[in-house]
Amino acid sequence: MAKIKSWEVSDSFWERVEPLIPKPQRDPNLTYKRKPGGGRKPMLPRRIFEAIV
């Protein structure tokens, strides 16, 4: 078993937890357009989960 850093979530744990996290839902009828310089791209759910745990 490989060592992981204390703030990282192992792959096996993530496989069990990922289905429990709701996926962001977007309206397929809307066109989403970011303004230039209008913010950051969304973070990966795994990164957010690692920060919380």
N, C-alpha and C. Protein backbone atom coordinates (compact mmCIF):
# COMPACT_ATOMS: atom_id res chain seq x y z
N MET A 1 0.85 -1.19 0.00
CA MET A 1 0.00 0.00 0.00
C MET A 1 0.88 1.24 0.00
N ALA A 2 0.63 2.14 -0.91
CA ALA A 2 1.43 3.35 -1.03
C ALA A 2 1.05 4.34 0.07
N LYS A 3 2.05 5.10 0.50
CA LYS A 3 1.78 6.12 1.51
C LYS A 3 1.16 7.34 0.84
N ILE A 4 0.22 7.93 1.52
CA ILE A 4 -0.39 9.16 1.01
C ILE A 4 -0.19 10.25 2.04
N LYS A 5 -0.26 11.48 1.60
CA LYS A 5 -0.10 12.62 2.51
C LYS A 5 -1.34 12.73 3.38
N SER A 6 -1.19 13.33 4.53
CA SER A 6 -2.28 13.36 5.51
C SER A 6 -3.52 14.09 5.01
N TRP A 7 -3.37 15.00 4.07
CA TRP A 7 -4.55 15.74 3.59
C TRP A 7 -5.16 15.12 2.33
N GLU A 8 -4.54 14.08 1.80
CA GLU A 8 -5.08 13.44 0.61
C GLU A 8 -6.02 12.30 0.96
N VAL A 9 -6.97 12.06 0.11
CA VAL A 9 -7.92 10.97 0.26
C VAL A 9 -7.43 9.82 -0.62
N SER A 10 -7.36 8.63 -0.07
CA SER A 10 -6.89 7.48 -0.86
C SER A 10 -7.89 7.15 -1.96
N ASP A 11 -7.41 6.50 -3.00
CA ASP A 11 -8.27 6.14 -4.13
C ASP A 11 -9.39 5.19 -3.70
N SER A 12 -9.06 4.25 -2.84
CA SER A 12 -10.09 3.29 -2.41
C SER A 12 -11.18 3.98 -1.59
N PHE A 13 -10.79 4.94 -0.74
CA PHE A 13 -11.78 5.68 0.04
C PHE A 13 -12.62 6.57 -0.88
N TRP A 14 -11.97 7.21 -1.85
CA TRP A 14 -12.69 8.08 -2.77
C TRP A 14 -13.71 7.30 -3.59
N GLU A 15 -13.39 6.08 -3.98
CA GLU A 15 -14.35 5.25 -4.72
C GLU A 15 -15.62 4.99 -3.91
N ARG A 16 -15.48 4.92 -2.60
CA ARG A 16 -16.64 4.68 -1.74
C ARG A 16 -17.43 5.96 -1.48
N VAL A 17 -16.75 7.09 -1.44
CA VAL A 17 -17.38 8.36 -1.06
C VAL A 17 -17.97 9.10 -2.26
N GLU A 18 -17.34 9.00 -3.41
CA GLU A 18 -17.76 9.78 -4.58
C GLU A 18 -19.24 9.64 -4.93
N PRO A 19 -19.82 8.44 -4.90
CA PRO A 19 -21.26 8.34 -5.23
C PRO A 19 -22.17 9.08 -4.25
N LEU A 20 -21.68 9.39 -3.07
CA LEU A 20 -22.50 10.06 -2.06
C LEU A 20 -22.54 11.58 -2.25
N ILE A 21 -21.62 12.11 -3.05
CA ILE A 21 -21.54 13.55 -3.26
C ILE A 21 -22.41 13.92 -4.46
N PRO A 22 -23.34 14.87 -4.28
CA PRO A 22 -24.22 15.23 -5.40
C PRO A 22 -23.44 15.91 -6.52
N LYS A 23 -23.80 15.61 -7.75
CA LYS A 23 -23.17 16.21 -8.92
C LYS A 23 -23.83 17.56 -9.20
N PRO A 24 -23.06 18.57 -9.61
CA PRO A 24 -23.68 19.84 -9.98
C PRO A 24 -24.54 19.66 -11.21
N GLN A 25 -25.74 20.20 -11.16
CA GLN A 25 -26.67 20.07 -12.28
C GLN A 25 -26.83 21.43 -12.95
N ARG A 26 -26.73 21.42 -14.27
CA ARG A 26 -26.90 22.64 -15.04
C ARG A 26 -28.10 22.47 -15.95
N ASP A 27 -28.78 23.55 -16.18
CA ASP A 27 -29.95 23.54 -17.06
C ASP A 27 -29.48 23.39 -18.51
N PRO A 28 -29.87 22.32 -19.20
CA PRO A 28 -29.40 22.14 -20.58
C PRO A 28 -29.97 23.16 -21.56
N ASN A 29 -31.02 23.87 -21.16
CA ASN A 29 -31.63 24.86 -22.05
C ASN A 29 -30.93 26.21 -21.98
N LEU A 30 -30.09 26.42 -21.00
CA LEU A 30 -29.39 27.69 -20.85
C LEU A 30 -28.01 27.62 -21.46
N THR A 31 -27.54 28.76 -21.96
CA THR A 31 -26.17 28.87 -22.46
C THR A 31 -25.36 29.59 -21.39
N TYR A 32 -24.36 28.90 -20.87
CA TYR A 32 -23.52 29.48 -19.84
C TYR A 32 -22.28 30.07 -20.50
N LYS A 33 -22.02 31.33 -20.21
CA LYS A 33 -20.88 32.00 -20.81
C LYS A 33 -20.17 32.81 -19.73
N ARG A 34 -18.91 32.49 -19.53
CA ARG A 34 -18.12 33.25 -18.56
C ARG A 34 -17.56 34.50 -19.22
N LYS A 35 -17.57 35.59 -18.49
CA LYS A 35 -16.95 36.80 -18.98
C LYS A 35 -15.43 36.61 -18.93
N PRO A 36 -14.68 37.29 -19.80
CA PRO A 36 -13.23 37.19 -19.72
C PRO A 36 -12.76 37.68 -18.35
N GLY A 37 -11.99 36.87 -17.68
CA GLY A 37 -11.52 37.22 -16.35
C GLY A 37 -12.62 37.14 -15.31
N GLY A 38 -13.69 36.42 -15.60
CA GLY A 38 -14.85 36.38 -14.73
C GLY A 38 -14.84 35.29 -13.68
N GLY A 39 -13.70 34.96 -13.17
CA GLY A 39 -13.66 33.98 -12.09
C GLY A 39 -12.85 32.75 -12.45
N ARG A 40 -12.80 31.86 -11.50
CA ARG A 40 -12.02 30.63 -11.65
C ARG A 40 -12.88 29.51 -12.20
N LYS A 41 -12.21 28.50 -12.74
CA LYS A 41 -12.90 27.28 -13.14
C LYS A 41 -13.29 26.54 -11.87
N PRO A 42 -14.35 25.74 -11.93
CA PRO A 42 -14.76 24.98 -10.74
C PRO A 42 -13.67 24.00 -10.31
N MET A 43 -13.55 23.83 -9.00
CA MET A 43 -12.58 22.87 -8.47
C MET A 43 -13.14 21.46 -8.56
N LEU A 44 -12.25 20.49 -8.59
CA LEU A 44 -12.65 19.09 -8.60
C LEU A 44 -13.29 18.73 -7.27
N PRO A 45 -14.36 17.95 -7.29
CA PRO A 45 -15.01 17.56 -6.04
C PRO A 45 -14.07 16.85 -5.07
N ARG A 46 -13.13 16.09 -5.59
CA ARG A 46 -12.18 15.39 -4.71
C ARG A 46 -11.32 16.38 -3.94
N ARG A 47 -10.88 17.45 -4.59
CA ARG A 47 -10.07 18.49 -3.91
C ARG A 47 -10.87 19.17 -2.80
N ILE A 48 -12.12 19.45 -3.06
CA ILE A 48 -12.96 20.09 -2.06
C ILE A 48 -13.16 19.15 -0.87
N PHE A 49 -13.41 17.88 -1.16
CA PHE A 49 -13.60 16.89 -0.10
C PHE A 49 -12.34 16.75 0.74
N GLU A 50 -11.16 16.75 0.10
CA GLU A 50 -9.90 16.66 0.84
C GLU A 50 -9.73 17.85 1.77
N ALA A 51 -10.14 19.03 1.33
CA ALA A 51 -10.02 20.22 2.17
C ALA A 51 -10.95 20.15 3.38
N ILE A 52 -12.13 19.58 3.20
CA ILE A 52 -13.08 19.48 4.30
C ILE A 52 -12.64 18.44 5.31
N VAL A 53 -12.20 17.29 4.81
CA VAL A 53 -11.82 16.19 5.70
C VAL A 53 -10.47 16.49 6.27
